[in-house]
Amino acid sequence: MTTIESLRAVGAPPKHHLLSVLVENKAGVLARVAGLFSRRGYNIFSLAVAPTDDDRFSRISIVVDVESTSLEQVMAQLDKLVNVVEITELHPDEAREAELLLVTVEVGAAGRAQVFELVGVFGGRIIDVGHEAVTVMLAGAPGALDDFEELTRPYGIVEIQRTGRVALPKLGSRR
C-alpha cells in the first residue's frame, strides 16, 4: 500500500489548494483550462466560473487536489495558457470563501420543525415546500455547509447540489 493509499484508508483528507485564476472572457477558455487538467491527470475538487466587474475578464475559482503532483506544476501549466491573465493561490487564512448549497430534505410531519430550526440556525432559506420535503438554499463557508449537510442527512436527503467554492483575498491580505 502506498503512502497516499494508507492516508486515505485512515480517513486523511486530500490536500486541496484554492486557486483564483483571472482569465480573458473569451469563448473556449474554460474548455482549455479543463482540458489542461484532464490531459495532465490533475483532479479538480471544485470549479466555479463567473464574469468579473470588468466584462473583459472572468474569474475561475479552482480547488485542486495536489496529492499526485505539486501545486507549482499546476500553476506553471495554467500560466502557459494564452488567455490566463493572473493566477493567485488563496490561503484559507487570507481569503473569504463561500459556496451555495441547494438541498431537498425529507421532513414528514415529525421532522419538519427540526429541519426548519436547522435552516434558521444556519441562516438558510426555505425556497420550496412540499407535503413530505422542503428545498433549502444556504450560502456560506464550505465548512458550515458541510455541517448543515451532515445534520440534515438523518432526515433523508432527496437531492443536493453545491456550486463549488468561490473566494477573494481578505481586505488586509492583498499583495
N, C-alpha and C. Protein backbone atom coordinates (compact mmCIF):
# COMPACT_ATOMS: atom_id res chain seq x y z
N MET A 1 0.85 -1.18 0.00
CA MET A 1 0.00 0.00 0.00
C MET A 1 0.89 1.24 0.00
N THR A 2 0.59 2.20 -0.91
CA THR A 2 1.38 3.43 -0.97
C THR A 2 1.03 4.34 0.20
N THR A 3 1.82 5.38 0.39
CA THR A 3 1.56 6.33 1.46
C THR A 3 0.20 7.00 1.27
N ILE A 4 -0.12 7.38 0.04
CA ILE A 4 -1.40 8.03 -0.23
C ILE A 4 -2.55 7.08 0.09
N GLU A 5 -2.43 5.82 -0.34
CA GLU A 5 -3.49 4.85 -0.06
C GLU A 5 -3.65 4.64 1.44
N SER A 6 -2.54 4.59 2.18
CA SER A 6 -2.64 4.38 3.62
C SER A 6 -3.26 5.60 4.30
N LEU A 7 -2.97 6.81 3.81
CA LEU A 7 -3.60 8.00 4.37
C LEU A 7 -5.10 8.00 4.11
N ARG A 8 -5.48 7.61 2.88
CA ARG A 8 -6.90 7.54 2.57
C ARG A 8 -7.60 6.48 3.41
N ALA A 9 -6.92 5.39 3.68
CA ALA A 9 -7.50 4.29 4.45
C ALA A 9 -7.83 4.73 5.87
N VAL A 10 -7.04 5.64 6.43
CA VAL A 10 -7.33 6.11 7.78
C VAL A 10 -8.15 7.39 7.76
N GLY A 11 -8.62 7.80 6.61
CA GLY A 11 -9.53 8.93 6.52
C GLY A 11 -8.86 10.29 6.45
N ALA A 12 -7.57 10.35 6.11
CA ALA A 12 -6.90 11.64 5.99
C ALA A 12 -7.49 12.39 4.80
N PRO A 13 -7.80 13.67 4.99
CA PRO A 13 -8.40 14.42 3.89
C PRO A 13 -7.38 14.69 2.80
N PRO A 14 -7.85 14.79 1.54
CA PRO A 14 -6.93 15.12 0.46
C PRO A 14 -6.37 16.52 0.67
N LYS A 15 -5.24 16.80 0.06
CA LYS A 15 -4.61 18.11 0.18
C LYS A 15 -5.15 19.01 -0.92
N HIS A 16 -5.98 19.96 -0.55
CA HIS A 16 -6.60 20.86 -1.52
C HIS A 16 -6.00 22.25 -1.43
N HIS A 17 -5.90 22.89 -2.58
CA HIS A 17 -5.46 24.28 -2.65
C HIS A 17 -6.45 25.05 -3.51
N LEU A 18 -6.73 26.28 -3.12
CA LEU A 18 -7.68 27.12 -3.84
C LEU A 18 -6.91 28.10 -4.71
N LEU A 19 -7.17 28.03 -6.01
CA LEU A 19 -6.56 28.94 -6.96
C LEU A 19 -7.61 29.89 -7.52
N SER A 20 -7.27 31.16 -7.59
CA SER A 20 -8.10 32.15 -8.24
C SER A 20 -7.40 32.51 -9.54
N VAL A 21 -8.05 32.22 -10.66
CA VAL A 21 -7.44 32.40 -11.97
C VAL A 21 -8.24 33.45 -12.74
N LEU A 22 -7.60 34.57 -13.01
CA LEU A 22 -8.22 35.62 -13.81
C LEU A 22 -7.91 35.32 -15.27
N VAL A 23 -8.97 35.22 -16.09
CA VAL A 23 -8.81 34.86 -17.50
C VAL A 23 -9.54 35.87 -18.37
N GLU A 24 -9.11 35.93 -19.63
CA GLU A 24 -9.85 36.75 -20.60
C GLU A 24 -11.21 36.11 -20.80
N ASN A 25 -12.24 36.92 -20.88
CA ASN A 25 -13.61 36.43 -21.04
C ASN A 25 -13.86 36.15 -22.52
N LYS A 26 -13.33 35.01 -22.97
CA LYS A 26 -13.46 34.64 -24.38
C LYS A 26 -13.95 33.20 -24.48
N ALA A 27 -14.59 32.91 -25.60
CA ALA A 27 -15.11 31.56 -25.83
C ALA A 27 -13.98 30.54 -25.79
N GLY A 28 -14.23 29.41 -25.14
CA GLY A 28 -13.29 28.31 -25.13
C GLY A 28 -12.26 28.31 -24.01
N VAL A 29 -12.19 29.39 -23.23
CA VAL A 29 -11.18 29.47 -22.17
C VAL A 29 -11.41 28.38 -21.12
N LEU A 30 -12.63 28.23 -20.67
CA LEU A 30 -12.92 27.21 -19.65
C LEU A 30 -12.60 25.81 -20.20
N ALA A 31 -12.92 25.57 -21.46
CA ALA A 31 -12.60 24.26 -22.06
C ALA A 31 -11.10 24.02 -22.09
N ARG A 32 -10.32 25.06 -22.37
CA ARG A 32 -8.86 24.90 -22.38
C ARG A 32 -8.33 24.63 -20.97
N VAL A 33 -8.86 25.31 -19.97
CA VAL A 33 -8.43 25.07 -18.58
C VAL A 33 -8.79 23.66 -18.16
N ALA A 34 -10.04 23.26 -18.40
CA ALA A 34 -10.47 21.90 -18.04
C ALA A 34 -9.69 20.85 -18.81
N GLY A 35 -9.41 21.12 -20.07
CA GLY A 35 -8.63 20.19 -20.88
C GLY A 35 -7.22 20.01 -20.35
N LEU A 36 -6.62 21.10 -19.88
CA LEU A 36 -5.29 21.02 -19.30
C LEU A 36 -5.29 20.08 -18.10
N PHE A 37 -6.28 20.23 -17.23
CA PHE A 37 -6.38 19.37 -16.05
C PHE A 37 -6.60 17.92 -16.46
N SER A 38 -7.43 17.71 -17.45
CA SER A 38 -7.71 16.36 -17.91
C SER A 38 -6.47 15.70 -18.52
N ARG A 39 -5.80 16.41 -19.41
CA ARG A 39 -4.60 15.86 -20.07
C ARG A 39 -3.50 15.52 -19.09
N ARG A 40 -3.34 16.33 -18.07
CA ARG A 40 -2.27 16.14 -17.09
C ARG A 40 -2.66 15.19 -15.96
N GLY A 41 -3.94 14.81 -15.90
CA GLY A 41 -4.39 13.90 -14.85
C GLY A 41 -4.55 14.58 -13.49
N TYR A 42 -4.70 15.91 -13.50
CA TYR A 42 -4.91 16.64 -12.25
C TYR A 42 -6.37 16.51 -11.85
N ASN A 43 -6.63 16.41 -10.56
CA ASN A 43 -8.01 16.27 -10.09
C ASN A 43 -8.54 17.62 -9.63
N ILE A 44 -9.67 18.03 -10.19
CA ILE A 44 -10.36 19.24 -9.76
C ILE A 44 -11.39 18.83 -8.72
N PHE A 45 -11.28 19.37 -7.53
CA PHE A 45 -12.23 19.10 -6.46
C PHE A 45 -13.46 20.00 -6.60
N SER A 46 -13.25 21.24 -7.03
CA SER A 46 -14.34 22.20 -7.16
C SER A 46 -13.95 23.22 -8.22
N LEU A 47 -14.95 23.69 -8.97
CA LEU A 47 -14.71 24.64 -10.04
C LEU A 47 -15.90 25.58 -10.13
N ALA A 48 -15.63 26.87 -10.12
CA ALA A 48 -16.69 27.88 -10.27
C ALA A 48 -16.15 28.99 -11.16
N VAL A 49 -16.99 29.46 -12.08
CA VAL A 49 -16.58 30.49 -13.04
C VAL A 49 -17.66 31.56 -13.11
N ALA A 50 -17.22 32.82 -13.17
CA ALA A 50 -18.17 33.91 -13.36
C ALA A 50 -17.43 35.14 -13.87
N PRO A 51 -18.14 35.99 -14.59
CA PRO A 51 -17.52 37.24 -15.05
C PRO A 51 -17.16 38.11 -13.85
N THR A 52 -16.18 38.99 -14.04
CA THR A 52 -15.82 39.96 -13.01
C THR A 52 -16.58 41.26 -13.28
N ASP A 53 -16.24 42.31 -12.54
CA ASP A 53 -16.87 43.60 -12.78
C ASP A 53 -16.43 44.22 -14.10
N ASP A 54 -15.35 43.72 -14.66
CA ASP A 54 -14.85 44.15 -15.97
C ASP A 54 -15.25 43.08 -16.99
N ASP A 55 -16.08 43.42 -17.96
CA ASP A 55 -16.60 42.46 -18.93
C ASP A 55 -15.51 41.74 -19.73
N ARG A 56 -14.30 42.24 -19.72
CA ARG A 56 -13.21 41.61 -20.47
C ARG A 56 -12.66 40.37 -19.77
N PHE A 57 -12.97 40.20 -18.46
CA PHE A 57 -12.36 39.14 -17.67
C PHE A 57 -13.40 38.31 -16.92
N SER A 58 -13.03 37.05 -16.68
CA SER A 58 -13.79 36.16 -15.80
C SER A 58 -12.83 35.64 -14.75
N ARG A 59 -13.38 35.22 -13.62
CA ARG A 59 -12.56 34.62 -12.57
C ARG A 59 -12.97 33.16 -12.41
N ILE A 60 -11.98 32.28 -12.45
CA ILE A 60 -12.21 30.86 -12.23
C ILE A 60 -11.64 30.53 -10.86
N SER A 61 -12.48 30.01 -9.99
CA SER A 61 -12.02 29.51 -8.69
C SER A 61 -11.90 28.00 -8.81
N ILE A 62 -10.70 27.50 -8.60
CA ILE A 62 -10.43 26.07 -8.74
C ILE A 62 -9.87 25.55 -7.43
N VAL A 63 -10.53 24.54 -6.87
CA VAL A 63 -9.96 23.83 -5.74
C VAL A 63 -9.36 22.57 -6.32
N VAL A 64 -8.04 22.49 -6.24
CA VAL A 64 -7.31 21.40 -6.88
C VAL A 64 -6.73 20.46 -5.83
N ASP A 65 -6.81 19.17 -6.12
CA ASP A 65 -6.25 18.12 -5.28
C ASP A 65 -4.82 17.91 -5.76
N VAL A 66 -3.85 18.21 -4.90
CA VAL A 66 -2.45 18.11 -5.33
C VAL A 66 -1.71 16.96 -4.65
N GLU A 67 -2.40 15.85 -4.43
CA GLU A 67 -1.73 14.69 -3.87
C GLU A 67 -0.78 14.06 -4.88
N SER A 68 -1.14 14.09 -6.16
CA SER A 68 -0.35 13.38 -7.17
C SER A 68 0.65 14.27 -7.90
N THR A 69 0.60 15.58 -7.70
CA THR A 69 1.52 16.49 -8.37
C THR A 69 1.71 17.72 -7.50
N SER A 70 2.70 18.53 -7.81
CA SER A 70 2.95 19.72 -6.99
C SER A 70 2.06 20.87 -7.44
N LEU A 71 1.73 21.73 -6.49
CA LEU A 71 0.94 22.91 -6.79
C LEU A 71 1.69 23.81 -7.78
N GLU A 72 2.99 23.89 -7.64
CA GLU A 72 3.80 24.72 -8.54
C GLU A 72 3.66 24.23 -9.98
N GLN A 73 3.61 22.91 -10.17
CA GLN A 73 3.46 22.34 -11.51
C GLN A 73 2.09 22.72 -12.10
N VAL A 74 1.04 22.64 -11.28
CA VAL A 74 -0.31 23.01 -11.74
C VAL A 74 -0.32 24.48 -12.16
N MET A 75 0.25 25.33 -11.32
CA MET A 75 0.27 26.77 -11.63
C MET A 75 1.11 27.07 -12.87
N ALA A 76 2.23 26.38 -13.03
CA ALA A 76 3.07 26.58 -14.22
C ALA A 76 2.33 26.19 -15.49
N GLN A 77 1.59 25.10 -15.45
CA GLN A 77 0.83 24.66 -16.62
C GLN A 77 -0.29 25.65 -16.95
N LEU A 78 -0.99 26.14 -15.92
CA LEU A 78 -2.04 27.13 -16.13
C LEU A 78 -1.46 28.41 -16.74
N ASP A 79 -0.30 28.81 -16.26
CA ASP A 79 0.32 30.04 -16.71
C ASP A 79 0.70 29.99 -18.19
N LYS A 80 0.86 28.80 -18.74
CA LYS A 80 1.20 28.65 -20.16
C LYS A 80 0.01 28.93 -21.08
N LEU A 81 -1.21 28.88 -20.53
CA LEU A 81 -2.40 29.12 -21.36
C LEU A 81 -2.47 30.60 -21.74
N VAL A 82 -2.71 30.87 -23.01
CA VAL A 82 -2.69 32.22 -23.55
C VAL A 82 -3.66 33.16 -22.85
N ASN A 83 -4.86 32.70 -22.57
CA ASN A 83 -5.89 33.58 -22.03
C ASN A 83 -5.83 33.77 -20.51
N VAL A 84 -4.87 33.15 -19.84
CA VAL A 84 -4.72 33.32 -18.40
C VAL A 84 -3.96 34.61 -18.14
N VAL A 85 -4.58 35.49 -17.34
CA VAL A 85 -4.00 36.79 -17.03
C VAL A 85 -3.22 36.75 -15.72
N GLU A 86 -3.80 36.10 -14.70
CA GLU A 86 -3.18 36.08 -13.38
C GLU A 86 -3.63 34.84 -12.62
N ILE A 87 -2.72 34.25 -11.86
CA ILE A 87 -3.04 33.09 -11.02
C ILE A 87 -2.62 33.43 -9.60
N THR A 88 -3.54 33.24 -8.65
CA THR A 88 -3.24 33.50 -7.25
C THR A 88 -3.68 32.31 -6.43
N GLU A 89 -2.79 31.82 -5.56
CA GLU A 89 -3.20 30.82 -4.59
C GLU A 89 -3.76 31.57 -3.40
N LEU A 90 -4.96 31.19 -2.98
CA LEU A 90 -5.59 31.84 -1.84
C LEU A 90 -5.49 30.92 -0.63
N HIS A 91 -4.67 31.28 0.31
CA HIS A 91 -4.52 30.51 1.54
C HIS A 91 -5.78 30.73 2.38
N PRO A 92 -6.32 29.67 3.00
CA PRO A 92 -7.57 29.81 3.77
C PRO A 92 -7.55 30.90 4.83
N ASP A 93 -6.38 31.16 5.43
CA ASP A 93 -6.29 32.21 6.45
C ASP A 93 -6.33 33.61 5.86
N GLU A 94 -6.10 33.72 4.56
CA GLU A 94 -6.03 35.02 3.90
C GLU A 94 -7.15 35.24 2.90
N ALA A 95 -8.18 34.39 2.94
CA ALA A 95 -9.26 34.50 1.96
C ALA A 95 -10.62 34.34 2.62
N ARG A 96 -11.60 34.87 1.96
CA ARG A 96 -13.01 34.64 2.32
C ARG A 96 -13.58 33.70 1.28
N GLU A 97 -14.02 32.52 1.74
CA GLU A 97 -14.59 31.52 0.83
C GLU A 97 -16.09 31.43 1.06
N ALA A 98 -16.80 31.14 0.01
CA ALA A 98 -18.24 30.93 0.11
C ALA A 98 -18.67 29.89 -0.92
N GLU A 99 -19.80 29.28 -0.65
CA GLU A 99 -20.36 28.27 -1.53
C GLU A 99 -21.87 28.32 -1.37
N LEU A 100 -22.59 27.92 -2.38
CA LEU A 100 -24.05 27.85 -2.34
C LEU A 100 -24.47 26.40 -2.32
N LEU A 101 -25.44 26.08 -1.48
CA LEU A 101 -25.98 24.73 -1.36
C LEU A 101 -27.48 24.78 -1.59
N LEU A 102 -27.96 23.92 -2.46
CA LEU A 102 -29.40 23.67 -2.60
C LEU A 102 -29.62 22.22 -2.21
N VAL A 103 -30.54 21.97 -1.33
CA VAL A 103 -30.78 20.61 -0.88
C VAL A 103 -32.27 20.41 -0.64
N THR A 104 -32.79 19.27 -1.10
CA THR A 104 -34.16 18.88 -0.80
C THR A 104 -34.09 17.80 0.26
N VAL A 105 -34.77 18.07 1.38
CA VAL A 105 -34.72 17.20 2.55
C VAL A 105 -36.11 16.66 2.84
N GLU A 106 -36.20 15.35 3.08
CA GLU A 106 -37.46 14.76 3.54
C GLU A 106 -37.72 15.27 4.94
N VAL A 107 -38.96 15.70 5.20
CA VAL A 107 -39.25 16.20 6.54
C VAL A 107 -40.36 15.43 7.22
N GLY A 108 -41.37 15.03 6.50
CA GLY A 108 -42.50 14.36 7.14
C GLY A 108 -43.08 15.26 8.22
N ALA A 109 -44.04 14.77 8.93
CA ALA A 109 -44.67 15.57 9.98
C ALA A 109 -43.76 15.71 11.19
N ALA A 110 -43.04 14.65 11.52
CA ALA A 110 -42.23 14.65 12.73
C ALA A 110 -40.97 15.51 12.62
N GLY A 111 -40.35 15.57 11.46
CA GLY A 111 -39.08 16.27 11.33
C GLY A 111 -39.17 17.70 10.84
N ARG A 112 -40.34 18.13 10.43
CA ARG A 112 -40.49 19.45 9.83
C ARG A 112 -39.95 20.57 10.74
N ALA A 113 -40.36 20.59 11.97
CA ALA A 113 -39.94 21.66 12.89
C ALA A 113 -38.43 21.65 13.11
N GLN A 114 -37.84 20.45 13.22
CA GLN A 114 -36.40 20.37 13.45
C GLN A 114 -35.61 20.88 12.24
N VAL A 115 -36.06 20.50 11.05
CA VAL A 115 -35.37 20.96 9.84
C VAL A 115 -35.52 22.47 9.70
N PHE A 116 -36.71 23.01 9.94
CA PHE A 116 -36.92 24.45 9.87
C PHE A 116 -36.01 25.17 10.87
N GLU A 117 -35.82 24.60 12.05
CA GLU A 117 -34.96 25.20 13.06
C GLU A 117 -33.50 25.18 12.59
N LEU A 118 -33.06 24.07 12.02
CA LEU A 118 -31.69 23.99 11.49
C LEU A 118 -31.46 25.04 10.40
N VAL A 119 -32.44 25.21 9.53
CA VAL A 119 -32.33 26.21 8.47
C VAL A 119 -32.13 27.59 9.08
N GLY A 120 -32.88 27.89 10.13
CA GLY A 120 -32.75 29.18 10.80
C GLY A 120 -31.41 29.36 11.48
N VAL A 121 -30.94 28.34 12.15
CA VAL A 121 -29.65 28.40 12.84
C VAL A 121 -28.51 28.67 11.86
N PHE A 122 -28.57 28.05 10.69
CA PHE A 122 -27.51 28.20 9.70
C PHE A 122 -27.72 29.40 8.77
N GLY A 123 -28.80 30.14 8.96
CA GLY A 123 -29.05 31.32 8.14
C GLY A 123 -29.48 31.01 6.73
N GLY A 124 -30.11 29.86 6.54
CA GLY A 124 -30.58 29.46 5.22
C GLY A 124 -31.97 29.98 4.94
N ARG A 125 -32.49 29.59 3.78
CA ARG A 125 -33.83 29.99 3.37
C ARG A 125 -34.54 28.79 2.78
N ILE A 126 -35.77 28.60 3.16
CA ILE A 126 -36.59 27.55 2.55
C ILE A 126 -37.19 28.15 1.29
N ILE A 127 -36.89 27.52 0.14
CA ILE A 127 -37.33 28.09 -1.13
C ILE A 127 -38.44 27.30 -1.79
N ASP A 128 -38.75 26.11 -1.26
CA ASP A 128 -39.85 25.31 -1.80
C ASP A 128 -40.34 24.38 -0.70
N VAL A 129 -41.64 24.27 -0.56
CA VAL A 129 -42.23 23.42 0.47
C VAL A 129 -43.22 22.46 -0.16
N GLY A 130 -43.03 21.17 0.14
CA GLY A 130 -43.96 20.15 -0.31
C GLY A 130 -44.56 19.45 0.90
N HIS A 131 -45.38 18.43 0.65
CA HIS A 131 -46.01 17.70 1.75
C HIS A 131 -45.00 16.95 2.59
N GLU A 132 -44.03 16.34 1.94
CA GLU A 132 -43.07 15.48 2.65
C GLU A 132 -41.63 15.97 2.57
N ALA A 133 -41.37 17.09 1.87
CA ALA A 133 -39.99 17.56 1.70
C ALA A 133 -39.95 19.07 1.58
N VAL A 134 -38.78 19.63 1.86
CA VAL A 134 -38.53 21.06 1.65
C VAL A 134 -37.21 21.21 0.91
N THR A 135 -37.12 22.28 0.12
CA THR A 135 -35.86 22.61 -0.53
C THR A 135 -35.30 23.84 0.15
N VAL A 136 -34.02 23.73 0.51
CA VAL A 136 -33.34 24.76 1.27
C VAL A 136 -32.21 25.34 0.45
N MET A 137 -32.02 26.65 0.58
CA MET A 137 -30.88 27.33 -0.03
C MET A 137 -30.04 27.89 1.12
N LEU A 138 -28.75 27.61 1.06
CA LEU A 138 -27.84 28.05 2.10
C LEU A 138 -26.54 28.49 1.46
N ALA A 139 -26.07 29.67 1.82
CA ALA A 139 -24.79 30.16 1.32
C ALA A 139 -23.89 30.43 2.51
N GLY A 140 -22.61 30.08 2.36
CA GLY A 140 -21.69 30.34 3.45
C GLY A 140 -20.38 29.63 3.26
N ALA A 141 -19.62 29.60 4.32
CA ALA A 141 -18.31 28.93 4.29
C ALA A 141 -18.51 27.45 4.04
N PRO A 142 -17.63 26.83 3.26
CA PRO A 142 -17.78 25.41 2.95
C PRO A 142 -17.92 24.51 4.17
N GLY A 143 -17.22 24.81 5.25
CA GLY A 143 -17.32 24.01 6.46
C GLY A 143 -18.71 24.06 7.08
N ALA A 144 -19.33 25.24 7.05
CA ALA A 144 -20.69 25.38 7.58
C ALA A 144 -21.68 24.58 6.73
N LEU A 145 -21.49 24.59 5.42
CA LEU A 145 -22.36 23.81 4.54
C LEU A 145 -22.17 22.32 4.78
N ASP A 146 -20.92 21.91 5.01
CA ASP A 146 -20.66 20.50 5.36
C ASP A 146 -21.42 20.12 6.63
N ASP A 147 -21.37 21.00 7.64
CA ASP A 147 -22.06 20.74 8.92
C ASP A 147 -23.57 20.64 8.71
N PHE A 148 -24.14 21.56 7.92
CA PHE A 148 -25.57 21.54 7.66
C PHE A 148 -25.97 20.25 6.95
N GLU A 149 -25.17 19.88 5.95
CA GLU A 149 -25.45 18.65 5.20
C GLU A 149 -25.44 17.44 6.14
N GLU A 150 -24.46 17.38 7.01
CA GLU A 150 -24.35 16.25 7.95
C GLU A 150 -25.54 16.20 8.91
N LEU A 151 -25.99 17.36 9.37
CA LEU A 151 -27.11 17.40 10.31
C LEU A 151 -28.45 17.08 9.65
N THR A 152 -28.59 17.34 8.36
CA THR A 152 -29.85 17.04 7.68
C THR A 152 -29.88 15.64 7.08
N ARG A 153 -28.72 15.02 6.95
CA ARG A 153 -28.66 13.69 6.35
C ARG A 153 -29.58 12.67 7.05
N PRO A 154 -29.68 12.64 8.38
CA PRO A 154 -30.56 11.66 9.03
C PRO A 154 -32.05 11.80 8.65
N TYR A 155 -32.46 12.99 8.22
CA TYR A 155 -33.85 13.18 7.82
C TYR A 155 -34.11 12.58 6.43
N GLY A 156 -33.05 12.52 5.63
CA GLY A 156 -33.16 11.97 4.28
C GLY A 156 -32.98 13.05 3.24
N ILE A 157 -31.83 13.04 2.58
CA ILE A 157 -31.57 13.99 1.51
C ILE A 157 -32.07 13.38 0.21
N VAL A 158 -32.99 14.08 -0.44
CA VAL A 158 -33.57 13.63 -1.70
C VAL A 158 -32.64 14.00 -2.85
N GLU A 159 -32.22 15.27 -2.88
CA GLU A 159 -31.30 15.77 -3.90
C GLU A 159 -30.44 16.85 -3.27
N ILE A 160 -29.23 16.97 -3.80
CA ILE A 160 -28.32 18.00 -3.29
C ILE A 160 -27.45 18.51 -4.42
N GLN A 161 -27.17 19.80 -4.39
CA GLN A 161 -26.26 20.42 -5.37
C GLN A 161 -25.51 21.54 -4.67
N ARG A 162 -24.18 21.53 -4.86
CA ARG A 162 -23.34 22.59 -4.34
C ARG A 162 -22.63 23.25 -5.51
N THR A 163 -22.42 24.56 -5.41
CA THR A 163 -21.85 25.31 -6.52
C THR A 163 -20.36 25.15 -6.67
N GLY A 164 -19.67 24.83 -5.63
CA GLY A 164 -18.22 24.90 -5.64
C GLY A 164 -17.80 26.21 -4.99
N ARG A 165 -16.59 26.25 -4.53
CA ARG A 165 -16.10 27.40 -3.78
C ARG A 165 -15.77 28.58 -4.68
N VAL A 166 -16.07 29.75 -4.17
CA VAL A 166 -15.59 31.00 -4.74
C VAL A 166 -14.88 31.71 -3.60
N ALA A 167 -13.89 32.52 -3.93
CA ALA A 167 -13.13 33.17 -2.88
C ALA A 167 -12.46 34.44 -3.39
N LEU A 168 -12.23 35.33 -2.46
CA LEU A 168 -11.44 36.53 -2.70
C LEU A 168 -10.51 36.72 -1.52
N PRO A 169 -9.39 37.43 -1.75
CA PRO A 169 -8.49 37.68 -0.62
C PRO A 169 -9.18 38.56 0.43
N LYS A 170 -8.85 38.34 1.69
CA LYS A 170 -9.34 39.23 2.75
C LYS A 170 -8.79 40.62 2.47
N LEU A 171 -9.50 41.63 2.90
CA LEU A 171 -9.13 43.00 2.58
C LEU A 171 -7.74 43.39 3.07
N GLY A 172 -7.28 42.88 4.17
CA GLY A 172 -5.96 43.22 4.68
C GLY A 172 -4.84 42.39 4.12
N SER A 173 -5.15 41.40 3.27
CA SER A 173 -4.10 40.47 2.83
C SER A 173 -3.78 40.55 1.35
N ARG A 174 -4.28 41.56 0.65
CA ARG A 174 -3.97 41.70 -0.79
C ARG A 174 -2.50 42.04 -0.96
N ARG A 175 -1.90 41.44 -1.96
CA ARG A 175 -0.47 41.67 -2.19
C ARG A 175 -0.24 42.65 -3.29
